[in-house]
Amino acid sequence: MTRLCLALVIWLILSTPTSGSEHILVDMAAGSVDGVDLRQSGPELKNRLGVRVRKTTELLEGQPSDMWVVAFGKHKIHKHWNGFSITDAAFRTKEGVGVGSTVADFDRAYGLSSFSEEEGCHWIFENKTIIFALESGCVPDRQQKVHRVWVATRAPRR
C-alpha cells in the first residue's frame, strides 16, 4: 500500500507543471491537452482522470447543458458537449500560440482566418474547428489579442 501511495504522489508531482513559465501542450488537430483526449465524453473523462474532472452546468440558448471542468495542475479547461474552451495562457500549441497571442500569430501558425459576426464576433480557423473570441469586441483587427480559444471536437459517443 505504501508503494502505491508513493507511486501516486510521484506521478502527481511529475504530471503537474512546476512553474508559471511552463506551458501545457494543446494539440488542436487531435483534440487533446497534455495528452488527454478531450473528444471523450465528460463521464469518460471523469472515469479516467477522477478528481481532476468536475461536472457543472452552462446555459446554451437558455437551456442547461452539462459542462466538465478538467484540471491540469492549477490550470483548467472547459469541456463542452461538442468541444473544449481555454481562457488560460498556460495552454499553448507546439507553435507557441494560445490565449494572449494575436490573431496574426494564429494566422502565421495555421493559415489565414476569417472574421465572423455570427452569434457574436470572433475569428474562425480550419473549417470552424477552431474559434477565437477577442478582448476588444467586434473589430476585425488581426493585432487583437485572443482571450478565449474554442476547439470543436466530434460529439461523444452516446
Protein backbone atom coordinates (compact mmCIF):
# COMPACT_ATOMS: atom_id res chain seq x y z
CA MET A 1 0.00 0.00 0.00
CA THR A 2 2.85 2.38 0.84
CA ARG A 3 4.43 1.74 -2.56
CA LEU A 4 1.14 2.51 -4.29
CA CYS A 5 0.73 5.79 -2.38
CA LEU A 6 4.34 6.77 -3.07
CA ALA A 7 3.91 5.97 -6.77
CA LEU A 8 0.75 8.09 -6.88
CA VAL A 9 2.47 11.06 -5.20
CA ILE A 10 5.43 10.83 -7.60
CA TRP A 11 3.07 10.65 -10.60
CA LEU A 12 1.15 13.72 -9.38
CA ILE A 13 4.36 15.70 -8.90
CA LEU A 14 5.72 14.75 -12.31
CA SER A 15 2.45 15.41 -14.14
CA THR A 16 1.89 18.90 -12.70
CA PRO A 17 3.68 21.92 -14.20
CA THR A 18 6.26 23.23 -11.73
CA SER A 19 6.23 26.92 -12.58
CA GLY A 20 4.14 29.55 -14.27
CA SER A 21 6.60 29.67 -17.17
CA GLU A 22 5.91 26.11 -18.30
CA HIS A 23 3.23 25.56 -20.91
CA ILE A 24 0.67 22.81 -21.21
CA LEU A 25 0.58 21.41 -24.74
CA VAL A 26 -2.64 21.74 -26.74
CA ASP A 27 -2.98 19.68 -29.93
CA MET A 28 -5.96 21.25 -31.69
CA ALA A 29 -5.98 18.76 -34.57
CA ALA A 30 -6.05 15.78 -32.18
CA GLY A 31 -8.47 17.44 -29.75
CA SER A 32 -6.10 16.82 -26.85
CA VAL A 33 -4.49 18.74 -24.00
CA ASP A 34 -1.34 17.41 -22.32
CA GLY A 35 -2.00 14.02 -23.93
CA VAL A 36 -5.60 13.82 -22.64
CA ASP A 37 -8.09 13.11 -25.44
CA LEU A 38 -10.85 15.67 -24.97
CA ARG A 39 -13.00 14.05 -27.65
CA GLN A 40 -14.15 11.69 -24.89
CA SER A 41 -17.44 12.33 -23.12
CA GLY A 42 -17.48 14.02 -19.72
CA PRO A 43 -18.25 10.76 -17.87
CA GLU A 44 -15.38 9.02 -19.72
CA LEU A 45 -13.01 11.82 -18.69
CA LYS A 46 -14.25 11.60 -15.08
CA ASN A 47 -13.70 7.83 -15.08
CA ARG A 48 -10.17 8.21 -16.47
CA LEU A 49 -8.99 11.28 -14.53
CA GLY A 50 -11.04 11.10 -11.33
CA VAL A 51 -10.88 14.19 -9.11
CA ARG A 52 -9.29 16.25 -11.89
CA VAL A 53 -12.73 16.40 -13.56
CA ARG A 54 -15.74 18.24 -12.13
CA LYS A 55 -19.22 18.37 -13.64
CA THR A 56 -21.06 21.69 -13.80
CA THR A 57 -23.75 23.29 -15.97
CA GLU A 58 -23.74 26.03 -18.59
CA LEU A 59 -26.67 27.65 -20.39
CA LEU A 60 -26.87 27.12 -24.15
CA GLU A 61 -29.58 29.24 -25.75
CA GLY A 62 -31.27 29.39 -22.34
CA GLN A 63 -31.19 25.62 -21.77
CA PRO A 64 -28.95 23.89 -19.20
CA SER A 65 -26.20 21.70 -20.63
CA ASP A 66 -23.52 19.63 -18.88
CA MET A 67 -20.03 21.10 -18.89
CA TRP A 68 -16.94 19.47 -17.43
CA VAL A 69 -14.04 21.37 -15.85
CA VAL A 70 -10.79 19.46 -16.35
CA ALA A 71 -7.80 20.42 -14.17
CA PHE A 72 -4.19 20.30 -15.33
CA GLY A 73 -2.44 21.18 -12.09
CA LYS A 74 -3.79 24.61 -11.14
CA HIS A 75 -4.90 25.32 -14.72
CA LYS A 76 -8.32 24.40 -16.15
CA ILE A 77 -10.11 23.90 -19.44
CA HIS A 78 -13.85 23.59 -20.05
CA LYS A 79 -15.17 20.52 -21.89
CA HIS A 80 -18.45 21.25 -23.65
CA TRP A 81 -20.76 18.80 -25.43
CA ASN A 82 -19.07 19.48 -28.79
CA GLY A 83 -15.64 20.87 -27.98
CA PHE A 84 -13.45 22.46 -25.34
CA SER A 85 -12.54 26.03 -24.46
CA ILE A 86 -9.48 27.65 -22.94
CA THR A 87 -9.10 31.04 -21.25
CA ASP A 88 -5.72 30.39 -19.56
CA ALA A 89 -2.46 31.48 -21.24
CA ALA A 90 -0.62 28.45 -19.80
CA PHE A 91 -2.14 26.31 -22.56
CA ARG A 92 -0.10 26.58 -25.79
CA THR A 93 0.19 24.78 -29.10
CA LYS A 94 3.51 23.37 -30.30
CA GLU A 95 3.77 26.57 -32.36
CA GLY A 96 3.62 28.56 -29.10
CA VAL A 97 0.25 30.26 -29.63
CA GLY A 98 -2.67 30.44 -27.24
CA VAL A 99 -4.64 32.89 -25.12
CA GLY A 100 -2.83 36.24 -25.24
CA SER A 101 -1.46 35.69 -28.76
CA THR A 102 -2.76 37.92 -31.53
CA VAL A 103 -4.99 36.77 -34.37
CA ALA A 104 -1.98 37.41 -36.66
CA ASP A 105 0.10 34.97 -34.55
CA PHE A 106 -2.52 32.27 -35.13
CA ASP A 107 -2.66 33.16 -38.84
CA ARG A 108 1.10 32.57 -39.11
CA ALA A 109 0.74 29.21 -37.36
CA TYR A 110 -2.45 27.89 -39.02
CA GLY A 111 -3.17 29.92 -42.14
CA LEU A 112 -5.46 32.85 -42.76
CA SER A 113 -8.55 33.05 -40.56
CA SER A 114 -11.83 34.75 -41.29
CA PHE A 115 -13.73 37.27 -39.17
CA SER A 116 -17.35 36.45 -38.34
CA GLU A 117 -20.18 38.30 -36.64
CA GLU A 118 -22.41 35.21 -36.43
CA GLU A 119 -23.60 34.70 -32.84
CA GLY A 120 -21.13 37.32 -31.60
CA CYS A 121 -17.83 38.47 -33.06
CA HIS A 122 -14.96 36.03 -33.40
CA TRP A 123 -12.31 34.67 -35.77
CA ILE A 124 -12.73 31.24 -37.35
CA PHE A 125 -9.96 28.87 -38.45
CA GLU A 126 -9.86 25.50 -40.16
CA ASN A 127 -13.47 24.90 -41.22
CA LYS A 128 -14.92 26.21 -37.96
CA THR A 129 -12.98 23.71 -35.84
CA ILE A 130 -11.09 26.49 -34.03
CA ILE A 131 -12.80 29.72 -32.98
CA PHE A 132 -11.26 32.64 -31.09
CA ALA A 133 -13.00 35.31 -29.04
CA LEU A 134 -11.31 38.68 -28.73
CA GLU A 135 -10.74 41.17 -25.93
CA SER A 136 -11.79 44.24 -27.91
CA GLY A 137 -15.05 43.00 -29.35
CA CYS A 138 -16.33 43.47 -32.87
CA VAL A 139 -13.36 45.00 -34.68
CA PRO A 140 -11.74 42.92 -37.46
CA ASP A 141 -8.17 43.77 -36.40
CA ARG A 142 -5.61 40.95 -36.66
CA GLN A 143 -3.46 42.58 -33.96
CA GLN A 144 -6.14 41.96 -31.33
CA LYS A 145 -5.27 39.53 -28.57
CA VAL A 146 -7.23 36.32 -28.27
CA HIS A 147 -8.87 35.88 -24.85
CA ARG A 148 -10.71 32.60 -25.44
CA VAL A 149 -9.95 29.62 -27.68
CA TRP A 150 -12.69 27.14 -28.58
CA VAL A 151 -11.78 23.87 -30.31
CA ALA A 152 -14.54 21.77 -31.89
CA THR A 153 -14.45 18.03 -31.34
CA ARG A 154 -16.77 15.38 -32.60
CA ALA A 155 -19.74 14.75 -30.35
CA PRO A 156 -19.00 11.97 -27.85
CA ARG A 157 -20.45 8.52 -28.31
CA ARG A 158 -23.89 8.20 -26.76
